[in-house]
Amino acid sequence: MIWVVATGIFFHYQEGQRLRDFPQALEGILSLDNVFLYDAFYPLKPSSAFDLEPVPTDIICRIHTPDMLERVERSGAFEGALLSASGTVGAAIRIWKGEITNAFVFTGYGDHHAGRDFFGGGCYFNGAAIAICELRRHFGAKRFAIIDTDAHHGDGTWDIFLDDPDVLYICFCPGNHQEKNNKVNIRVPWRVTDEEYLTLVRENFFPRAIVFQPEMIFWNWGYDGTQGDYGDIGLTPNCHAQLAQEIKGVADRVCQGRVSVVLCGGSRRNLARRLIPEIIQVLAG
């Protein structure tokens, strides 16, 4: 099947070094006719035709406890956490409505360490979980797949969906192998080559996704496992675009290309500047 691909980029202006070069580093990409920028409103930000509205807190409390919400509000990271989750939710809804085919979501505070009543590791709200809840509630969607290639185990995503067999969650990390209710932790060696890692993904996510037939795929993408970053497991920068090509191929096969890439771990600014545009270029075709 051939269709016109439209890619959404969901961005908000954040503190910190790793994304200091954005959105300027996307200058050539943003000129493409099939790429659309959605950004969050800040009083001093540049004007945009595609402002991204924050998710109401009552929607967050459909996934996280009110007590956890209060703790995040007191953490000093609430605004960034809220807009990170809002990007993931906004991307999923626009994909589902057919406004875009796929998306890349910039987050200052990633998803996968945020559980129902706990957060940590730089993750405050689980945007993918909130997005899945909203797609089910408003559009009758049911089955989803989440592939997690951050270098660390997504304990928050595991916690939220452990008893939900309609979410396939495959996490690739150095932890022990586990499998329950379509939640699978694939053990990755502490040191691995690009080809060894890609083989693990091909053998463990792709066949499961094809059988499972999700209606949308979320990719929790971290580049922290790249050589020289804090979760270094031996991957070279070249691995990520190849991984994106193959995951996009599976999404094209099983769910009409509907895939949302959610930025998780990674700290090196030079890697972000190189890898994020490469991932988005793959999404945009």
Protein backbone atom coordinates (compact mmCIF):
# COMPACT_ATOMS: atom_id res chain seq x y z
CA MET A 1 0.00 0.00 0.00
CA ILE A 2 1.26 3.51 -0.86
CA TRP A 3 0.05 6.63 0.92
CA VAL A 4 1.27 10.18 1.42
CA VAL A 5 3.25 10.45 4.65
CA ALA A 6 2.76 13.51 6.86
CA THR A 7 5.05 13.87 9.87
CA GLY A 8 4.34 16.01 12.94
CA ILE A 9 7.08 17.40 15.17
CA PHE A 10 5.91 18.22 18.70
CA PHE A 11 8.27 20.61 20.43
CA HIS A 12 8.41 22.77 23.52
CA TYR A 13 11.13 25.14 24.66
CA GLN A 14 13.08 23.58 27.51
CA GLU A 15 15.91 24.22 29.90
CA GLY A 16 19.06 22.11 29.70
CA GLN A 17 21.83 21.46 27.22
CA ARG A 18 20.84 18.43 25.18
CA LEU A 19 18.21 20.19 23.06
CA ARG A 20 19.89 23.60 22.99
CA ASP A 21 20.29 23.40 19.19
CA PHE A 22 16.56 22.94 18.53
CA PRO A 23 14.40 23.79 16.71
CA GLN A 24 17.11 25.53 14.66
CA ALA A 25 18.75 22.15 13.88
CA LEU A 26 15.54 21.20 12.03
CA GLU A 27 15.69 24.13 9.63
CA GLY A 28 16.01 22.06 6.46
CA ILE A 29 13.45 19.52 7.60
CA LEU A 30 10.82 22.10 8.55
CA SER A 31 10.81 23.38 4.96
CA LEU A 32 9.48 20.05 3.68
CA ASP A 33 5.86 20.15 2.54
CA ASN A 34 4.90 17.05 4.53
CA VAL A 35 6.42 18.09 7.88
CA PHE A 36 4.45 20.13 10.43
CA LEU A 37 5.68 21.75 13.65
CA TYR A 38 3.45 21.84 16.71
CA ASP A 39 4.93 23.78 19.60
CA ALA A 40 3.87 24.73 23.10
CA PHE A 41 3.06 28.31 24.00
CA TYR A 42 5.49 30.27 26.13
CA PRO A 43 5.18 34.07 26.55
CA LEU A 44 8.55 34.80 24.87
CA LYS A 45 8.65 32.05 22.26
CA PRO A 46 8.57 32.66 18.49
CA SER A 47 5.09 32.71 16.97
CA SER A 48 3.71 29.49 15.53
CA ALA A 49 0.67 28.46 13.53
CA PHE A 50 0.46 25.13 15.40
CA ASP A 51 0.34 25.81 19.13
CA LEU A 52 0.13 22.79 21.42
CA GLU A 53 -2.27 23.00 24.33
CA PRO A 54 -1.40 21.50 27.75
CA VAL A 55 -3.28 18.36 28.80
CA PRO A 56 -5.81 19.10 31.60
CA THR A 57 -4.79 17.65 34.96
CA ASP A 58 -8.02 15.63 35.27
CA ILE A 59 -6.89 13.63 32.22
CA ILE A 60 -3.49 13.01 33.81
CA CYS A 61 -5.30 11.62 36.86
CA ARG A 62 -6.88 8.91 34.72
CA ILE A 63 -3.41 7.33 34.67
CA HIS A 64 -1.57 8.78 37.67
CA THR A 65 -2.86 9.18 41.22
CA PRO A 66 -3.88 12.63 42.49
CA ASP A 67 -1.18 12.33 45.15
CA MET A 68 1.47 11.77 42.48
CA LEU A 69 0.18 14.78 40.53
CA GLU A 70 0.59 16.92 43.64
CA ARG A 71 4.14 15.65 44.15
CA VAL A 72 5.04 16.50 40.55
CA GLU A 73 3.51 19.97 40.99
CA ARG A 74 5.84 20.49 43.96
CA SER A 75 8.89 19.12 42.13
CA GLY A 76 9.76 22.23 40.18
CA ALA A 77 9.49 20.31 36.90
CA PHE A 78 5.73 20.48 36.49
CA GLU A 79 5.52 22.76 33.45
CA GLY A 80 8.10 20.81 31.46
CA ALA A 81 6.57 17.49 32.50
CA LEU A 82 3.08 18.65 31.54
CA LEU A 83 4.12 19.90 28.11
CA SER A 84 6.19 16.78 27.45
CA ALA A 85 3.12 14.60 28.06
CA SER A 86 0.95 17.04 26.11
CA GLY A 87 3.13 16.57 23.05
CA THR A 88 2.75 12.80 23.21
CA VAL A 89 -1.03 13.05 23.64
CA GLY A 90 -1.41 15.69 20.93
CA ALA A 91 0.65 13.64 18.50
CA ALA A 92 -1.39 10.47 19.10
CA ILE A 93 -4.71 12.23 18.60
CA ARG A 94 -3.59 13.90 15.37
CA ILE A 95 -2.23 10.61 14.06
CA TRP A 96 -5.48 8.86 14.88
CA LYS A 97 -7.54 11.57 13.17
CA GLY A 98 -5.40 11.24 10.06
CA GLU A 99 -4.03 14.79 10.21
CA ILE A 100 -0.51 13.30 10.24
CA THR A 101 0.83 9.78 9.68
CA ASN A 102 3.56 9.69 12.30
CA ALA A 103 5.28 11.97 14.79
CA PHE A 104 8.42 12.82 16.69
CA VAL A 105 7.82 14.16 20.21
CA PHE A 106 10.46 16.21 22.00
CA THR A 107 10.29 15.68 25.74
CA GLY A 108 12.20 17.34 28.54
CA TYR A 109 10.91 14.69 30.93
CA GLY A 110 10.45 11.29 29.32
CA ASP A 111 7.79 8.68 29.82
CA HIS A 112 8.91 5.30 30.88
CA HIS A 113 9.99 5.68 34.53
CA ALA A 114 6.62 7.22 35.48
CA GLY A 115 4.23 4.65 36.97
CA ARG A 116 0.78 5.04 38.45
CA ASP A 117 2.05 6.43 41.74
CA PHE A 118 5.79 6.94 41.30
CA PHE A 119 8.23 8.84 39.12
CA GLY A 120 11.97 9.14 38.76
CA GLY A 121 14.90 9.01 36.38
CA GLY A 122 13.86 12.30 34.79
CA CYS A 123 10.35 10.98 34.00
CA TYR A 124 7.35 12.62 35.69
CA PHE A 125 4.27 11.71 33.61
CA ASN A 126 3.81 8.75 31.28
CA GLY A 127 2.71 10.47 28.11
CA ALA A 128 2.21 7.27 26.09
CA ALA A 129 -0.08 5.84 28.77
CA ILE A 130 -2.12 9.06 28.92
CA ALA A 131 -2.34 9.09 25.11
CA ILE A 132 -3.54 5.48 24.99
CA CYS A 133 -6.18 6.28 27.61
CA GLU A 134 -7.44 9.22 25.54
CA LEU A 135 -7.53 7.25 22.28
CA ARG A 136 -9.54 4.52 23.96
CA ARG A 137 -11.89 6.95 25.66
CA HIS A 138 -12.68 9.19 22.69
CA PHE A 139 -12.09 7.04 19.61
CA GLY A 140 -12.72 3.44 20.64
CA ALA A 141 -9.15 2.33 19.97
CA LYS A 142 -8.09 -0.82 21.77
CA ARG A 143 -4.74 -2.39 20.92
CA PHE A 144 -1.38 -0.66 21.11
CA ALA A 145 2.27 -1.60 20.99
CA ILE A 146 5.11 0.18 22.78
CA ILE A 147 8.72 -0.56 21.86
CA ASP A 148 11.25 0.78 24.36
CA THR A 149 14.84 1.12 23.18
CA ASP A 150 16.06 3.39 25.95
CA ALA A 151 19.04 1.76 27.67
CA HIS A 152 17.13 1.37 30.97
CA HIS A 153 14.09 -0.67 31.97
CA GLY A 154 10.78 1.18 31.68
CA ASP A 155 9.51 0.33 35.13
CA GLY A 156 6.74 2.93 34.97
CA THR A 157 5.25 1.68 31.71
CA TRP A 158 5.53 -1.90 32.99
CA ASP A 159 3.64 -0.91 36.17
CA ILE A 160 0.82 0.87 34.35
CA PHE A 161 0.13 -1.81 31.73
CA LEU A 162 1.10 -5.03 33.50
CA ASP A 163 -2.52 -6.23 33.75
CA ASP A 164 -3.58 -4.90 30.34
CA PRO A 165 -3.15 -7.61 27.67
CA ASP A 166 -4.23 -5.18 24.93
CA VAL A 167 -0.95 -3.27 25.24
CA LEU A 168 2.11 -5.04 23.88
CA TYR A 169 5.16 -3.60 25.64
CA ILE A 170 8.61 -4.78 24.55
CA CYS A 171 11.52 -3.31 26.50
CA PHE A 172 15.14 -3.83 25.44
CA CYS A 173 17.48 -3.31 28.39
CA PRO A 174 20.16 -5.10 30.47
CA GLY A 175 17.64 -6.40 33.03
CA ASN A 176 16.58 -10.02 33.32
CA HIS A 177 14.12 -11.46 30.80
CA GLN A 178 10.49 -11.27 31.94
CA GLU A 179 7.20 -11.94 30.16
CA LYS A 180 3.62 -11.49 31.37
CA ASN A 181 0.36 -10.31 29.74
CA ASN A 182 2.16 -9.15 26.57
CA LYS A 183 4.75 -7.27 28.64
CA VAL A 184 8.17 -8.55 27.62
CA ASN A 185 11.59 -7.49 28.85
CA ILE A 186 14.30 -8.58 26.42
CA ARG A 187 17.71 -8.80 28.06
CA VAL A 188 20.38 -6.81 26.19
CA PRO A 189 24.05 -7.52 27.03
CA TRP A 190 25.96 -4.72 28.74
CA ARG A 191 28.09 -4.46 25.60
CA VAL A 192 26.53 -5.04 22.20
CA THR A 193 27.22 -4.27 18.55
CA ASP A 194 24.74 -2.49 16.30
CA GLU A 195 23.97 -5.68 14.40
CA GLU A 196 23.50 -7.70 17.57
CA TYR A 197 21.07 -5.09 18.89
CA LEU A 198 19.15 -4.84 15.63
CA THR A 199 18.89 -8.63 15.54
CA LEU A 200 17.36 -8.64 19.03
CA VAL A 201 14.75 -6.12 17.88
CA ARG A 202 14.04 -7.98 14.64
CA GLU A 203 13.63 -11.31 16.41
CA ASN A 204 11.62 -10.12 19.42
CA PHE A 205 9.56 -7.05 18.54
CA PHE A 206 8.78 -7.44 14.85
CA PRO A 207 7.18 -10.91 14.89
CA ARG A 208 5.21 -10.10 18.04
CA ALA A 209 3.91 -6.85 16.57
CA ILE A 210 2.87 -8.58 13.34
CA VAL A 211 0.88 -11.18 15.28
CA PHE A 212 -0.50 -8.67 17.78
CA GLN A 213 -1.70 -6.21 15.10
CA PRO A 214 -1.66 -2.98 17.14
CA GLU A 215 -3.64 0.01 15.94
CA MET A 216 -0.73 2.34 16.74
CA ILE A 217 2.89 1.97 17.81
CA PHE A 218 4.67 4.15 20.35
CA TRP A 219 8.45 4.07 20.26
CA ASN A 220 10.16 5.15 23.48
CA TRP A 221 13.45 6.12 21.88
CA GLY A 222 16.50 6.88 23.95
CA TYR A 223 19.97 7.47 22.60
CA ASP A 224 21.57 7.02 26.04
CA GLY A 225 22.88 3.58 24.99
CA THR A 226 25.11 5.20 22.36
CA GLN A 227 28.87 5.16 22.80
CA GLY A 228 29.93 8.00 25.10
CA ASP A 229 26.52 8.67 26.63
CA TYR A 230 25.56 7.81 30.21
CA GLY A 231 23.93 4.45 29.36
CA ASP A 232 26.61 3.38 26.85
CA ILE A 233 26.03 -0.25 25.81
CA GLY A 234 28.22 0.02 22.73
CA LEU A 235 25.81 1.27 20.05
CA THR A 236 27.21 3.59 17.40
CA PRO A 237 25.29 6.65 16.18
CA ASN A 238 24.61 4.80 12.93
CA CYS A 239 22.31 2.32 14.67
CA HIS A 240 19.42 4.69 15.31
CA ALA A 241 18.42 5.62 11.77
CA GLN A 242 18.52 1.96 10.80
CA LEU A 243 16.33 1.13 13.78
CA ALA A 244 13.92 3.87 12.72
CA GLN A 245 13.73 2.50 9.17
CA GLU A 246 12.83 -0.95 10.41
CA ILE A 247 10.30 0.15 13.03
CA LYS A 248 8.64 2.41 10.46
CA GLY A 249 8.49 -0.58 8.12
CA VAL A 250 6.64 -2.63 10.71
CA ALA A 251 4.24 0.26 11.37
CA ASP A 252 3.58 0.53 7.63
CA ARG A 253 2.77 -3.17 7.58
CA VAL A 254 0.54 -3.50 10.66
CA CYS A 255 -1.06 -0.11 11.42
CA GLN A 256 -1.02 2.12 8.31
CA GLY A 257 2.25 3.76 9.37
CA ARG A 258 0.87 5.09 12.65
CA VAL A 259 3.93 5.45 14.89
CA SER A 260 4.86 8.08 17.45
CA VAL A 261 8.52 8.42 18.48
CA VAL A 262 8.82 9.74 22.03
CA LEU A 263 12.24 11.05 23.05
CA CYS A 264 13.44 9.47 26.28
CA GLY A 265 17.03 9.10 27.54
CA GLY A 266 20.22 10.69 26.27
CA SER A 267 22.28 13.65 27.40
CA ARG A 268 24.91 14.49 24.80
CA ARG A 269 24.05 17.60 22.81
CA ASN A 270 26.11 16.58 19.77
CA LEU A 271 24.30 13.25 19.53
CA ALA A 272 20.89 14.92 19.79
CA ARG A 273 21.79 17.37 17.04
CA ARG A 274 22.81 14.54 14.73
CA LEU A 275 20.35 11.77 15.58
CA ILE A 276 17.04 13.57 16.01
CA PRO A 277 17.03 15.05 12.48
CA GLU A 278 18.02 11.63 11.10
CA ILE A 279 15.06 9.97 12.86
CA ILE A 280 12.64 12.64 11.62
CA GLN A 281 13.95 12.34 8.06
CA VAL A 282 13.21 8.60 8.18
CA LEU A 283 9.67 9.28 9.44
CA ALA A 284 9.05 11.83 6.70
CA GLY A 285 10.20 9.40 4.03
